[in-house]
Amino acid sequence: MPTYSFRDTRTEEEFDKFMSRAERKQYLQVNPYIKPVPTAAGFISGHNLNAKLDGGFKDTMSKIAEAHPTSAHAHKYGSKSIKDTKTRNAIEKWRRKREAKGDHTSATESLPSIPHTNIR
């Protein structure tokens, strides 16, 4: 059951009451001098994408990333060895140079797609 905020129009006093929606409706009908106070809805969610992942889930995501090494999924969940990172950075650097020169030949498409990163 939610907590509702009310204002007594006679005294301008604000107060909260814990009641069901049906009780609130009845309370406002019985007490015409009480007005509801609009408040922001408070949502409780059990779904947090940044929460710590289960070990089994991490393993599954890692296997998917290994099967698709050039995907954005692989960039997020795949292995992050030094060799892989340096290779990804070299390819990205090469692509940026070609794009800066305006050279959009088929050689660019021959390389695997690698997600853009902000590595400095």
PDB file of N, CA and C in Angstrom:
ATOM      1  N   MET A   1       0.840  -1.183   0.000  1.00  0.00           N
ATOM      2  CA  MET A   1       0.000   0.000   0.000  1.00  0.00           C
ATOM      3  C   MET A   1       0.886   1.247   0.000  1.00  0.00           C
ATOM      4  N   PRO A   2       0.483   2.228  -0.771  1.00  0.00           N
ATOM      5  CA  PRO A   2       1.286   3.453  -0.865  1.00  0.00           C
ATOM      6  C   PRO A   2       0.988   4.448   0.254  1.00  0.00           C
ATOM      7  N   THR A   3       1.877   5.394   0.364  1.00  0.00           N
ATOM      8  CA  THR A   3       1.710   6.511   1.288  1.00  0.00           C
ATOM      9  C   THR A   3       1.271   7.721   0.471  1.00  0.00           C
ATOM     10  N   TYR A   4       0.172   8.348   0.873  1.00  0.00           N
ATOM     11  CA  TYR A   4      -0.370   9.510   0.167  1.00  0.00           C
ATOM     12  C   TYR A   4      -0.154  10.767   1.001  1.00  0.00           C
ATOM     13  N   SER A   5       0.078  11.867   0.316  1.00  0.00           N
ATOM     14  CA  SER A   5       0.242  13.160   0.983  1.00  0.00           C
ATOM     15  C   SER A   5      -1.039  13.965   0.826  1.00  0.00           C
ATOM     16  N   PHE A   6      -1.440  14.626   1.920  1.00  0.00           N
ATOM     17  CA  PHE A   6      -2.667  15.409   1.927  1.00  0.00           C
ATOM     18  C   PHE A   6      -2.405  16.777   2.532  1.00  0.00           C
ATOM     19  N   ARG A   7      -3.344  17.715   2.262  1.00  0.00           N
ATOM     20  CA  ARG A   7      -3.288  19.046   2.862  1.00  0.00           C
ATOM     21  C   ARG A   7      -4.689  19.366   3.411  1.00  0.00           C
ATOM     22  N   ASP A   8      -4.695  19.816   4.646  1.00  0.00           N
ATOM     23  CA  ASP A   8      -5.937  20.267   5.276  1.00  0.00           C
ATOM     24  C   ASP A   8      -6.111  21.726   4.870  1.00  0.00           C
ATOM     25  N   THR A   9      -7.166  22.039   4.125  1.00  0.00           N
ATOM     26  CA  THR A   9      -7.363  23.403   3.613  1.00  0.00           C
ATOM     27  C   THR A   9      -7.748  24.391   4.707  1.00  0.00           C
ATOM     28  N   ARG A  10      -8.195  23.890   5.836  1.00  0.00           N
ATOM     29  CA  ARG A  10      -8.549  24.788   6.935  1.00  0.00           C
ATOM     30  C   ARG A  10      -7.308  25.287   7.664  1.00  0.00           C
ATOM     31  N   THR A  11      -6.344  24.396   7.878  1.00  0.00           N
ATOM     32  CA  THR A  11      -5.143  24.752   8.649  1.00  0.00           C
ATOM     33  C   THR A  11      -3.884  24.845   7.783  1.00  0.00           C
ATOM     34  N   GLU A  12      -3.996  24.463   6.508  1.00  0.00           N
ATOM     35  CA  GLU A  12      -2.848  24.419   5.587  1.00  0.00           C
ATOM     36  C   GLU A  12      -1.773  23.437   6.054  1.00  0.00           C
ATOM     37  N   GLU A  13      -2.140  22.508   6.896  1.00  0.00           N
ATOM     38  CA  GLU A  13      -1.201  21.503   7.392  1.00  0.00           C
ATOM     39  C   GLU A  13      -1.090  20.370   6.360  1.00  0.00           C
ATOM     40  N   GLU A  14       0.142  19.943   6.084  1.00  0.00           N
ATOM     41  CA  GLU A  14       0.366  18.814   5.183  1.00  0.00           C
ATOM     42  C   GLU A  14       0.743  17.602   6.008  1.00  0.00           C
ATOM     43  N   PHE A  15       0.217  16.441   5.597  1.00  0.00           N
ATOM     44  CA  PHE A  15       0.506  15.207   6.319  1.00  0.00           C
ATOM     45  C   PHE A  15       0.427  14.031   5.348  1.00  0.00           C
ATOM     46  N   ASP A  16       0.986  12.892   5.773  1.00  0.00           N
ATOM     47  CA  ASP A  16       1.000  11.675   4.972  1.00  0.00           C
ATOM     48  C   ASP A  16       0.154  10.610   5.648  1.00  0.00           C
ATOM     49  N   LYS A  17      -0.481   9.772   4.839  1.00  0.00           N
ATOM     50  CA  LYS A  17      -1.263   8.643   5.349  1.00  0.00           C
ATOM     51  C   LYS A  17      -0.952   7.424   4.502  1.00  0.00           C
ATOM     52  N   PHE A  18      -0.845   6.304   5.169  1.00  0.00           N
ATOM     53  CA  PHE A  18      -0.577   5.020   4.542  1.00  0.00           C
ATOM     54  C   PHE A  18      -1.911   4.304   4.380  1.00  0.00           C
ATOM     55  N   MET A  19      -2.371   4.135   3.123  1.00  0.00           N
ATOM     56  CA  MET A  19      -3.683   3.519   2.889  1.00  0.00           C
ATOM     57  C   MET A  19      -3.760   2.993   1.463  1.00  0.00           C
ATOM     58  N   SER A  20      -4.771   2.169   1.223  1.00  0.00           N
ATOM     59  CA  SER A  20      -4.972   1.642  -0.124  1.00  0.00           C
ATOM     60  C   SER A  20      -5.622   2.719  -0.996  1.00  0.00           C
ATOM     61  N   ARG A  21      -5.688   2.450  -2.282  1.00  0.00           N
ATOM     62  CA  ARG A  21      -6.278   3.407  -3.218  1.00  0.00           C
ATOM     63  C   ARG A  21      -7.774   3.608  -2.925  1.00  0.00           C
ATOM     64  N   ALA A  22      -8.459   2.515  -2.613  1.00  0.00           N
ATOM     65  CA  ALA A  22      -9.892   2.601  -2.299  1.00  0.00           C
ATOM     66  C   ALA A  22     -10.124   3.394  -1.008  1.00  0.00           C
ATOM     67  N   GLU A  23      -9.258   3.158  -0.016  1.00  0.00           N
ATOM     68  CA  GLU A  23      -9.369   3.913   1.243  1.00  0.00           C
ATOM     69  C   GLU A  23      -9.126   5.409   1.012  1.00  0.00           C
ATOM     70  N   ARG A  24      -8.194   5.724   0.142  1.00  0.00           N
ATOM     71  CA  ARG A  24      -7.891   7.130  -0.173  1.00  0.00           C
ATOM     72  C   ARG A  24      -9.118   7.811  -0.778  1.00  0.00           C
ATOM     73  N   LYS A  25      -9.737   7.124  -1.725  1.00  0.00           N
ATOM     74  CA  LYS A  25     -10.914   7.692  -2.390  1.00  0.00           C
ATOM     75  C   LYS A  25     -12.036   7.947  -1.372  1.00  0.00           C
ATOM     76  N   GLN A  26     -12.250   6.983  -0.504  1.00  0.00           N
ATOM     77  CA  GLN A  26     -13.295   7.133   0.519  1.00  0.00           C
ATOM     78  C   GLN A  26     -12.936   8.253   1.502  1.00  0.00           C
ATOM     79  N   TYR A  27     -11.644   8.320   1.902  1.00  0.00           N
ATOM     80  CA  TYR A  27     -11.174   9.344   2.847  1.00  0.00           C
ATOM     81  C   TYR A  27     -11.409  10.744   2.290  1.00  0.00           C
ATOM     82  N   LEU A  28     -11.143  10.931   0.992  1.00  0.00           N
ATOM     83  CA  LEU A  28     -11.339  12.246   0.373  1.00  0.00           C
ATOM     84  C   LEU A  28     -12.825  12.606   0.248  1.00  0.00           C
ATOM     85  N   GLN A  29     -13.673  11.609   0.064  1.00  0.00           N
ATOM     86  CA  GLN A  29     -15.117  11.872  -0.017  1.00  0.00           C
ATOM     87  C   GLN A  29     -15.688  12.265   1.347  1.00  0.00           C
ATOM     88  N   VAL A  30     -15.244  11.595   2.398  1.00  0.00           N
ATOM     89  CA  VAL A  30     -15.737  11.853   3.754  1.00  0.00           C
ATOM     90  C   VAL A  30     -15.204  13.183   4.288  1.00  0.00           C
ATOM     91  N   ASN A  31     -13.994  13.573   3.870  1.00  0.00           N
ATOM     92  CA  ASN A  31     -13.348  14.796   4.360  1.00  0.00           C
ATOM     93  C   ASN A  31     -13.153  15.772   3.202  1.00  0.00           C
ATOM     94  N   PRO A  32     -14.160  16.571   2.874  1.00  0.00           N
ATOM     95  CA  PRO A  32     -14.056  17.465   1.712  1.00  0.00           C
ATOM     96  C   PRO A  32     -13.024  18.576   1.885  1.00  0.00           C
ATOM     97  N   TYR A  33     -12.647  18.881   3.092  1.00  0.00           N
ATOM     98  CA  TYR A  33     -11.650  19.925   3.339  1.00  0.00           C
ATOM     99  C   TYR A  33     -10.211  19.401   3.205  1.00  0.00           C
ATOM    100  N   ILE A  34     -10.065  18.105   2.988  1.00  0.00           N
ATOM    101  CA  ILE A  34      -8.744  17.494   2.774  1.00  0.00           C
ATOM    102  C   ILE A  34      -8.532  17.364   1.270  1.00  0.00           C
ATOM    103  N   LYS A  35      -7.407  17.854   0.797  1.00  0.00           N
ATOM    104  CA  LYS A  35      -7.071  17.788  -0.626  1.00  0.00           C
ATOM    105  C   LYS A  35      -5.777  16.999  -0.807  1.00  0.00           C
ATOM    106  N   PRO A  36      -5.674  16.210  -1.872  1.00  0.00           N
ATOM    107  CA  PRO A  36      -4.430  15.471  -2.127  1.00  0.00           C
ATOM    108  C   PRO A  36      -3.320  16.419  -2.581  1.00  0.00           C
ATOM    109  N   VAL A  37      -2.106  16.107  -2.187  1.00  0.00           N
ATOM    110  CA  VAL A  37      -0.940  16.884  -2.604  1.00  0.00           C
ATOM    111  C   VAL A  37      -0.207  16.067  -3.661  1.00  0.00           C
ATOM    112  N   PRO A  38      -0.022  16.613  -4.860  1.00  0.00           N
ATOM    113  CA  PRO A  38       0.695  15.859  -5.894  1.00  0.00           C
ATOM    114  C   PRO A  38       2.165  15.674  -5.505  1.00  0.00           C
ATOM    115  N   THR A  39       2.620  14.461  -5.639  1.00  0.00           N
ATOM    116  CA  THR A  39       4.021  14.137  -5.357  1.00  0.00           C
ATOM    117  C   THR A  39       4.560  13.265  -6.477  1.00  0.00           C
ATOM    118  N   ALA A  40       5.849  13.164  -6.561  1.00  0.00           N
ATOM    119  CA  ALA A  40       6.476  12.295  -7.557  1.00  0.00           C
ATOM    120  C   ALA A  40       6.252  10.844  -7.161  1.00  0.00           C
ATOM    121  N   ALA A  41       5.978  10.035  -8.150  1.00  0.00           N
ATOM    122  CA  ALA A  41       5.756   8.614  -7.886  1.00  0.00           C
ATOM    123  C   ALA A  41       7.066   7.957  -7.491  1.00  0.00           C
ATOM    124  N   GLY A  42       7.002   7.112  -6.497  1.00  0.00           N
ATOM    125  CA  GLY A  42       8.185   6.381  -6.064  1.00  0.00           C
ATOM    126  C   GLY A  42       8.118   4.961  -6.583  1.00  0.00           C
ATOM    127  N   PHE A  43       9.010   4.629  -7.488  1.00  0.00           N
ATOM    128  CA  PHE A  43       9.013   3.292  -8.074  1.00  0.00           C
ATOM    129  C   PHE A  43      10.135   2.474  -7.468  1.00  0.00           C
ATOM    130  N   ILE A  44       9.834   1.227  -7.227  1.00  0.00           N
ATOM    131  CA  ILE A  44      10.832   0.288  -6.730  1.00  0.00           C
ATOM    132  C   ILE A  44      11.041  -0.737  -7.822  1.00  0.00           C
ATOM    133  N   SER A  45      12.269  -0.903  -8.221  1.00  0.00           N
ATOM    134  CA  SER A  45      12.560  -1.828  -9.307  1.00  0.00           C
ATOM    135  C   SER A  45      13.567  -2.859  -8.836  1.00  0.00           C
ATOM    136  N   GLY A  46      13.323  -4.072  -9.202  1.00  0.00           N
ATOM    137  CA  GLY A  46      14.265  -5.135  -8.883  1.00  0.00           C
ATOM    138  C   GLY A  46      15.146  -5.455 -10.066  1.00  0.00           C
ATOM    139  N   HIS A  47      15.160  -4.573 -11.061  1.00  0.00           N
ATOM    140  CA  HIS A  47      15.893  -4.834 -12.296  1.00  0.00           C
ATOM    141  C   HIS A  47      16.976  -3.782 -12.462  1.00  0.00           C
ATOM    142  N   ASN A  48      18.189  -4.115 -12.093  1.00  0.00           N
ATOM    143  CA  ASN A  48      19.304  -3.183 -12.183  1.00  0.00           C
ATOM    144  C   ASN A  48      20.308  -3.744 -13.174  1.00  0.00           C
ATOM    145  N   LEU A  49      20.503  -3.067 -14.302  1.00  0.00           N
ATOM    146  CA  LEU A  49      21.405  -3.567 -15.324  1.00  0.00           C
ATOM    147  C   LEU A  49      22.871  -3.465 -14.923  1.00  0.00           C
ATOM    148  N   ASN A  50      23.171  -2.639 -13.944  1.00  0.00           N
ATOM    149  CA  ASN A  50      24.553  -2.476 -13.510  1.00  0.00           C
ATOM    150  C   ASN A  50      24.880  -3.327 -12.296  1.00  0.00           C
ATOM    151  N   ALA A  51      23.957  -4.165 -11.891  1.00  0.00           N
ATOM    152  CA  ALA A  51      24.180  -5.003 -10.716  1.00  0.00           C
ATOM    153  C   ALA A  51      25.242  -6.062 -11.015  1.00  0.00           C
ATOM    154  N   LYS A  52      25.761  -6.644  -9.987  1.00  0.00           N
ATOM    155  CA  LYS A  52      26.761  -7.685 -10.129  1.00  0.00           C
ATOM    156  C   LYS A  52      26.126  -8.906 -10.793  1.00  0.00           C
ATOM    157  N   LEU A  53      26.762  -9.410 -11.844  1.00  0.00           N
ATOM    158  CA  LEU A  53      26.204 -10.518 -12.599  1.00  0.00           C
ATOM    159  C   LEU A  53      26.586 -11.854 -11.979  1.00  0.00           C
ATOM    160  N   ASP A  54      25.715 -12.817 -12.141  1.00  0.00           N
ATOM    161  CA  ASP A  54      25.945 -14.176 -11.673  1.00  0.00           C
ATOM    162  C   ASP A  54      27.079 -14.803 -12.491  1.00  0.00           C
ATOM    163  N   GLY A  55      27.857 -15.674 -11.885  1.00  0.00           N
ATOM    164  CA  GLY A  55      28.984 -16.310 -12.563  1.00  0.00           C
ATOM    165  C   GLY A  55      28.572 -17.108 -13.782  1.00  0.00           C
ATOM    166  N   GLY A  56      27.471 -17.850 -13.689  1.00  0.00           N
ATOM    167  CA  GLY A  56      26.991 -18.635 -14.818  1.00  0.00           C
ATOM    168  C   GLY A  56      26.565 -17.758 -15.977  1.00  0.00           C
ATOM    169  N   PHE A  57      25.954 -16.629 -15.656  1.00  0.00           N
ATOM    170  CA  PHE A  57      25.542 -15.692 -16.688  1.00  0.00           C
ATOM    171  C   PHE A  57      26.767 -15.101 -17.386  1.00  0.00           C
ATOM    172  N   LYS A  58      27.797 -14.786 -16.609  1.00  0.00           N
ATOM    173  CA  LYS A  58      29.030 -14.247 -17.201  1.00  0.00           C
ATOM    174  C   LYS A  58      29.665 -15.253 -18.156  1.00  0.00           C
ATOM    175  N   ASP A  59      29.651 -16.538 -17.760  1.00  0.00           N
ATOM    176  CA  ASP A  59      30.216 -17.579 -18.621  1.00  0.00           C
ATOM    177  C   ASP A  59      29.455 -17.668 -19.939  1.00  0.00           C
ATOM    178  N   THR A  60      28.137 -17.627 -19.856  1.00  0.00           N
ATOM    179  CA  THR A  60      27.319 -17.693 -21.067  1.00  0.00           C
ATOM    180  C   THR A  60      27.596 -16.497 -21.968  1.00  0.00           C
ATOM    181  N   MET A  61      27.659 -15.314 -21.379  1.00  0.00           N
ATOM    182  CA  MET A  61      27.935 -14.108 -22.169  1.00  0.00           C
ATOM    183  C   MET A  61      29.320 -14.172 -22.800  1.00  0.00           C
ATOM    184  N   SER A  62      30.272 -14.731 -22.087  1.00  0.00           N
ATOM    185  CA  SER A  62      31.632 -14.874 -22.611  1.00  0.00           C
ATOM    186  C   SER A  62      31.658 -15.818 -23.809  1.00  0.00           C
ATOM    187  N   LYS A  63      30.906 -16.921 -23.730  1.00  0.00           N
ATOM    188  CA  LYS A  63      30.852 -17.873 -24.845  1.00  0.00           C
ATOM    189  C   LYS A  63      30.207 -17.233 -26.077  1.00  0.00           C
ATOM    190  N   ILE A  64      29.169 -16.442 -25.869  1.00  0.00           N
ATOM    191  CA  ILE A  64      28.535 -15.735 -26.986  1.00  0.00           C
ATOM    192  C   ILE A  64      29.531 -14.755 -27.601  1.00  0.00           C
ATOM    193  N   ALA A  65      30.271 -14.056 -26.765  1.00  0.00           N
ATOM    194  CA  ALA A  65      31.263 -13.091 -27.249  1.00  0.00           C
ATOM    195  C   ALA A  65      32.359 -13.778 -28.050  1.00  0.00           C
ATOM    196  N   GLU A  66      32.776 -14.965 -27.615  1.00  0.00           N
ATOM    197  CA  GLU A  66      33.804 -15.705 -28.348  1.00  0.00           C
ATOM    198  C   GLU A  66      33.297 -16.143 -29.720  1.00  0.00           C
ATOM    199  N   ALA A  67      32.008 -16.469 -29.805  1.00  0.00           N
ATOM    200  CA  ALA A  67      31.429 -16.892 -31.074  1.00  0.00           C
ATOM    201  C   ALA A  67      31.298 -15.723 -32.054  1.00  0.00           C
ATOM    202  N   HIS A  68      31.216 -14.506 -31.541  1.00  0.00           N
ATOM    203  CA  HIS A  68      31.066 -13.312 -32.377  1.00  0.00           C
ATOM    204  C   HIS A  68      32.109 -12.270 -31.961  1.00  0.00           C
ATOM    205  N   PRO A  69      33.377 -12.501 -32.289  1.00  0.00           N
ATOM    206  CA  PRO A  69      34.462 -11.662 -31.763  1.00  0.00           C
ATOM    207  C   PRO A  69      34.464 -10.213 -32.224  1.00  0.00           C
ATOM    208  N   THR A  70      33.775  -9.881 -33.308  1.00  0.00           N
ATOM    209  CA  THR A  70      33.803  -8.496 -33.785  1.00  0.00           C
ATOM    210  C   THR A  70      32.568  -7.704 -33.390  1.00  0.00           C
ATOM    211  N   SER A  71      31.712  -8.277 -32.580  1.00  0.00           N
ATOM    212  CA  SER A  71      30.473  -7.593 -32.199  1.00  0.00           C
ATOM    213  C   SER A  71      30.681  -6.667 -31.006  1.00  0.00           C
ATOM    214  N   ALA A  72      29.710  -5.796 -30.796  1.00  0.00           N
ATOM    215  CA  ALA A  72      29.741  -4.921 -29.626  1.00  0.00           C
ATOM    216  C   ALA A  72      29.614  -5.752 -28.354  1.00  0.00           C
ATOM    217  N   HIS A  73      28.904  -6.864 -28.459  1.00  0.00           N
ATOM    218  CA  HIS A  73      28.751  -7.779 -27.323  1.00  0.00           C
ATOM    219  C   HIS A  73      30.120  -8.320 -26.902  1.00  0.00           C
ATOM    220  N   ALA A  74      30.947  -8.671 -27.884  1.00  0.00           N
ATOM    221  CA  ALA A  74      32.287  -9.177 -27.593  1.00  0.00           C
ATOM    222  C   ALA A  74      33.145  -8.096 -26.950  1.00  0.00           C
ATOM    223  N   HIS A  75      32.928  -6.862 -27.375  1.00  0.00           N
ATOM    224  CA  HIS A  75      33.695  -5.756 -26.791  1.00  0.00           C
ATOM    225  C   HIS A  75      33.378  -5.606 -25.306  1.00  0.00           C
ATOM    226  N   LYS A  76      32.115  -5.857 -24.950  1.00  0.00           N
ATOM    227  CA  LYS A  76      31.700  -5.697 -23.559  1.00  0.00           C
ATOM    228  C   LYS A  76      32.033  -6.924 -22.705  1.00  0.00           C
ATOM    229  N   TYR A  77      31.786  -8.123 -23.219  1.00  0.00           N
ATOM    230  CA  TYR A  77      31.913  -9.334 -22.409  1.00  0.00           C
ATOM    231  C   TYR A  77      33.075 -10.239 -22.802  1.00  0.00           C
ATOM    232  N   GLY A  78      33.712  -9.975 -23.939  1.00  0.00           N
ATOM    233  CA  GLY A  78      34.765 -10.858 -24.416  1.00  0.00           C
ATOM    234  C   GLY A  78      36.060 -10.705 -23.640  1.00  0.00           C
ATOM    235  N   SER A  79      37.035 -11.533 -24.026  1.00  0.00           N
ATOM    236  CA  SER A  79      38.335 -11.474 -23.345  1.00  0.00           C
ATOM    237  C   SER A  79      38.996 -10.140 -23.643  1.00  0.00           C
ATOM    238  N   LYS A  80      39.729  -9.650 -22.698  1.00  0.00           N
ATOM    239  CA  LYS A  80      40.369  -8.343 -22.838  1.00  0.00           C
ATOM    240  C   LYS A  80      41.889  -8.502 -22.695  1.00  0.00           C
ATOM    241  N   SER A  81      42.436  -9.396 -23.510  1.00  0.00           N
ATOM    242  CA  SER A  81      43.877  -9.596 -23.440  1.00  0.00           C
ATOM    243  C   SER A  81      44.587  -8.374 -24.033  1.00  0.00           C
ATOM    244  N   ILE A  82      45.839  -8.221 -23.700  1.00  0.00           N
ATOM    245  CA  ILE A  82      46.615  -7.081 -24.193  1.00  0.00           C
ATOM    246  C   ILE A  82      46.716  -7.140 -25.715  1.00  0.00           C
ATOM    247  N   LYS A  83      46.927  -8.349 -26.254  1.00  0.00           N
ATOM    248  CA  LYS A  83      47.044  -8.504 -27.705  1.00  0.00           C
ATOM    249  C   LYS A  83      45.743  -8.092 -28.400  1.00  0.00           C
ATOM    250  N   ASP A  84      44.612  -8.554 -27.893  1.00  0.00           N
ATOM    251  CA  ASP A  84      43.323  -8.201 -28.494  1.00  0.00           C
ATOM    252  C   ASP A  84      43.095  -6.695 -28.447  1.00  0.00           C
ATOM    253  N   THR A  85      43.410  -6.081 -27.333  1.00  0.00           N
ATOM    254  CA  THR A  85      43.211  -4.640 -27.178  1.00  0.00           C
ATOM    255  C   THR A  85      44.102  -3.858 -28.135  1.00  0.00           C
ATOM    256  N   LYS A  86      45.361  -4.249 -28.257  1.00  0.00           N
ATOM    257  CA  LYS A  86      46.275  -3.546 -29.164  1.00  0.00           C
ATOM    258  C   LYS A  86      45.855  -3.733 -30.619  1.00  0.00           C
ATOM    259  N   THR A  87      45.396  -4.941 -30.966  1.00  0.00           N
ATOM    260  CA  THR A  87      44.929  -5.185 -32.330  1.00  0.00           C
ATOM    261  C   THR A  87      43.711  -4.319 -32.625  1.00  0.00           C
ATOM    262  N   ARG A  88      42.760  -4.274 -31.695  1.00  0.00           N
ATOM    263  CA  ARG A  88      41.553  -3.464 -31.873  1.00  0.00           C
ATOM    264  C   ARG A  88      41.915  -1.992 -32.025  1.00  0.00           C
ATOM    265  N   ASN A  89      42.847  -1.519 -31.200  1.00  0.00           N
ATOM    266  CA  ASN A  89      43.260  -0.108 -31.274  1.00  0.00           C
ATOM    267  C   ASN A  89      43.956   0.196 -32.603  1.00  0.00           C
ATOM    268  N   ALA A  90      44.793  -0.726 -33.097  1.00  0.00           N
ATOM    269  CA  ALA A  90      45.499  -0.507 -34.362  1.00  0.00           C
ATOM    270  C   ALA A  90      44.509  -0.441 -35.528  1.00  0.00           C
ATOM    271  N   ILE A  91      43.544  -1.327 -35.535  1.00  0.00           N
ATOM    272  CA  ILE A  91      42.541  -1.320 -36.603  1.00  0.00           C
ATOM    273  C   ILE A  91      41.720  -0.034 -36.556  1.00  0.00           C
ATOM    274  N   GLU A  92      41.326   0.369 -35.360  1.00  0.00           N
ATOM    275  CA  GLU A  92      40.550   1.608 -35.188  1.00  0.00           C
ATOM    276  C   GLU A  92      41.352   2.817 -35.665  1.00  0.00           C
ATOM    277  N   LYS A  93      42.625   2.848 -35.320  1.00  0.00           N
ATOM    278  CA  LYS A  93      43.491   3.958 -35.736  1.00  0.00           C
ATOM    279  C   LYS A  93      43.597   3.994 -37.265  1.00  0.00           C
ATOM    280  N   TRP A  94      43.768   2.836 -37.877  1.00  0.00           N
ATOM    281  CA  TRP A  94      43.864   2.746 -39.330  1.00  0.00           C
ATOM    282  C   TRP A  94      42.570   3.250 -39.982  1.00  0.00           C
ATOM    283  N   ARG A  95      41.429   2.846 -39.415  1.00  0.00           N
ATOM    284  CA  ARG A  95      40.138   3.287 -39.955  1.00  0.00           C
ATOM    285  C   ARG A  95      39.979   4.801 -39.859  1.00  0.00           C
ATOM    286  N   ARG A  96      40.354   5.363 -38.697  1.00  0.00           N
ATOM    287  CA  ARG A  96      40.211   6.812 -38.528  1.00  0.00           C
ATOM    288  C   ARG A  96      41.077   7.574 -39.533  1.00  0.00           C
ATOM    289  N   LYS A  97      42.296   7.089 -39.781  1.00  0.00           N
ATOM    290  CA  LYS A  97      43.182   7.744 -40.748  1.00  0.00           C
ATOM    291  C   LYS A  97      42.579   7.698 -42.146  1.00  0.00           C
ATOM    292  N   ARG A  98      42.024   6.536 -42.522  1.00  0.00           N
ATOM    293  CA  ARG A  98      41.438   6.408 -43.860  1.00  0.00           C
ATOM    294  C   ARG A  98      40.218   7.303 -43.999  1.00  0.00           C
ATOM    295  N   GLU A  99      39.410   7.373 -42.956  1.00  0.00           N
ATOM    296  CA  GLU A  99      38.212   8.218 -43.010  1.00  0.00           C
ATOM    297  C   GLU A  99      38.588   9.689 -43.065  1.00  0.00           C
ATOM    298  N   ALA A 100      39.650  10.071 -42.361  1.00  0.00           N
ATOM    299  CA  ALA A 100      40.095  11.469 -42.368  1.00  0.00           C
ATOM    300  C   ALA A 100      40.590  11.866 -43.762  1.00  0.00           C
ATOM    301  N   LYS A 101      41.204  10.917 -44.481  1.00  0.00           N
ATOM    302  CA  LYS A 101      41.681  11.193 -45.826  1.00  0.00           C
ATOM    303  C   LYS A 101      40.541  11.163 -46.842  1.00  0.00           C
ATOM    304  N   GLY A 102      39.400  10.653 -46.429  1.00  0.00           N
ATOM    305  CA  GLY A 102      38.277  10.554 -47.352  1.00  0.00           C
ATOM    306  C   GLY A 102      38.366   9.313 -48.223  1.00  0.00           C
ATOM    307  N   ASP A 103      39.216   8.384 -47.859  1.00  0.00           N
ATOM    308  CA  ASP A 103      39.394   7.155 -48.631  1.00  0.00           C
ATOM    309  C   ASP A 103      38.431   6.100 -48.098  1.00  0.00           C
ATOM    310  N   HIS A 104      37.385   5.864 -48.840  1.00  0.00           N
ATOM    311  CA  HIS A 104      36.386   4.875 -48.414  1.00  0.00           C
ATOM    312  C   HIS A 104      36.367   3.740 -49.425  1.00  0.00           C
ATOM    313  N   THR A 105      37.486   3.037 -49.545  1.00  0.00           N
ATOM    314  CA  THR A 105      37.579   1.936 -50.502  1.00  0.00           C
ATOM    315  C   THR A 105      37.070   0.652 -49.875  1.00  0.00           C
ATOM    316  N   SER A 106      37.039  -0.383 -50.694  1.00  0.00           N
ATOM    317  CA  SER A 106      36.546  -1.666 -50.213  1.00  0.00           C
ATOM    318  C   SER A 106      37.474  -2.276 -49.164  1.00  0.00           C
ATOM    319  N   ALA A 107      38.699  -1.791 -49.070  1.00  0.00           N
ATOM    320  CA  ALA A 107      39.620  -2.313 -48.060  1.00  0.00           C
ATOM    321  C   ALA A 107      39.098  -2.037 -46.654  1.00  0.00           C
ATOM    322  N   THR A 108      38.383  -0.945 -46.503  1.00  0.00           N
ATOM    323  CA  THR A 108      37.807  -0.613 -45.201  1.00  0.00           C
ATOM    324  C   THR A 108      36.769  -1.649 -44.798  1.00  0.00           C
ATOM    325  N   GLU A 109      35.969  -2.090 -45.763  1.00  0.00           N
ATOM    326  CA  GLU A 109      34.940  -3.070 -45.449  1.00  0.00           C
ATOM    327  C   GLU A 109      35.526  -4.462 -45.212  1.00  0.00           C
ATOM    328  N   SER A 110      36.763  -4.710 -45.665  1.00  0.00           N
ATOM    329  CA  SER A 110      37.348  -6.042 -45.501  1.00  0.00           C
ATOM    330  C   SER A 110      37.770  -6.315 -44.065  1.00  0.00           C
ATOM    331  N   LEU A 111      37.946  -5.266 -43.275  1.00  0.00           N
ATOM    332  CA  LEU A 111      38.318  -5.463 -41.880  1.00  0.00           C
ATOM    333  C   LEU A 111      37.084  -5.783 -41.045  1.00  0.00           C
ATOM    334  N   PRO A 112      37.250  -6.560 -39.987  1.00  0.00           N
ATOM    335  CA  PRO A 112      36.101  -6.849 -39.123  1.00  0.00           C
ATOM    336  C   PRO A 112      35.648  -5.582 -38.414  1.00  0.00           C
ATOM    337  N   SER A 113      34.348  -5.488 -38.165  1.00  0.00           N
ATOM    338  CA  SER A 113      33.845  -4.300 -37.470  1.00  0.00           C
ATOM    339  C   SER A 113      34.182  -4.383 -35.999  1.00  0.00           C
ATOM    340  N   ILE A 114      34.683  -3.295 -35.478  1.00  0.00           N
ATOM    341  CA  ILE A 114      35.059  -3.221 -34.078  1.00  0.00           C
ATOM    342  C   ILE A 114      34.344  -2.027 -33.470  1.00  0.00           C
ATOM    343  N   PRO A 115      33.708  -2.210 -32.310  1.00  0.00           N
ATOM    344  CA  PRO A 115      32.968  -1.093 -31.700  1.00  0.00           C
ATOM    345  C   PRO A 115      33.887   0.078 -31.372  1.00  0.00           C
ATOM    346  N   HIS A 116      33.355   1.277 -31.513  1.00  0.00           N
ATOM    347  CA  HIS A 116      34.121   2.482 -31.198  1.00  0.00           C
ATOM    348  C   HIS A 116      34.329   2.575 -29.696  1.00  0.00           C
ATOM    349  N   THR A 117      35.522   2.936 -29.305  1.00  0.00           N
ATOM    350  CA  THR A 117      35.834   3.094 -27.881  1.00  0.00           C
ATOM    351  C   THR A 117      36.482   4.449 -27.656  1.00  0.00           C
ATOM    352  N   ASN A 118      36.504   4.876 -26.449  1.00  0.00           N
ATOM    353  CA  ASN A 118      37.160   6.117 -26.081  1.00  0.00           C
ATOM    354  C   ASN A 118      38.447   5.807 -25.342  1.00  0.00           C
ATOM    355  N   ILE A 119      39.335   5.086 -25.967  1.00  0.00           N
ATOM    356  CA  ILE A 119      40.614   4.738 -25.358  1.00  0.00           C
ATOM    357  C   ILE A 119      41.609   5.803 -25.702  1.00  0.00           C
ATOM    358  N   ARG A 120      42.295   6.293 -24.711  1.00  0.00           N
ATOM    359  CA  ARG A 120      43.280   7.364 -24.936  1.00  0.00           C
ATOM    360  C   ARG A 120      44.632   6.898 -24.519  1.00  0.00           C
TER     361      ARG A 120
END
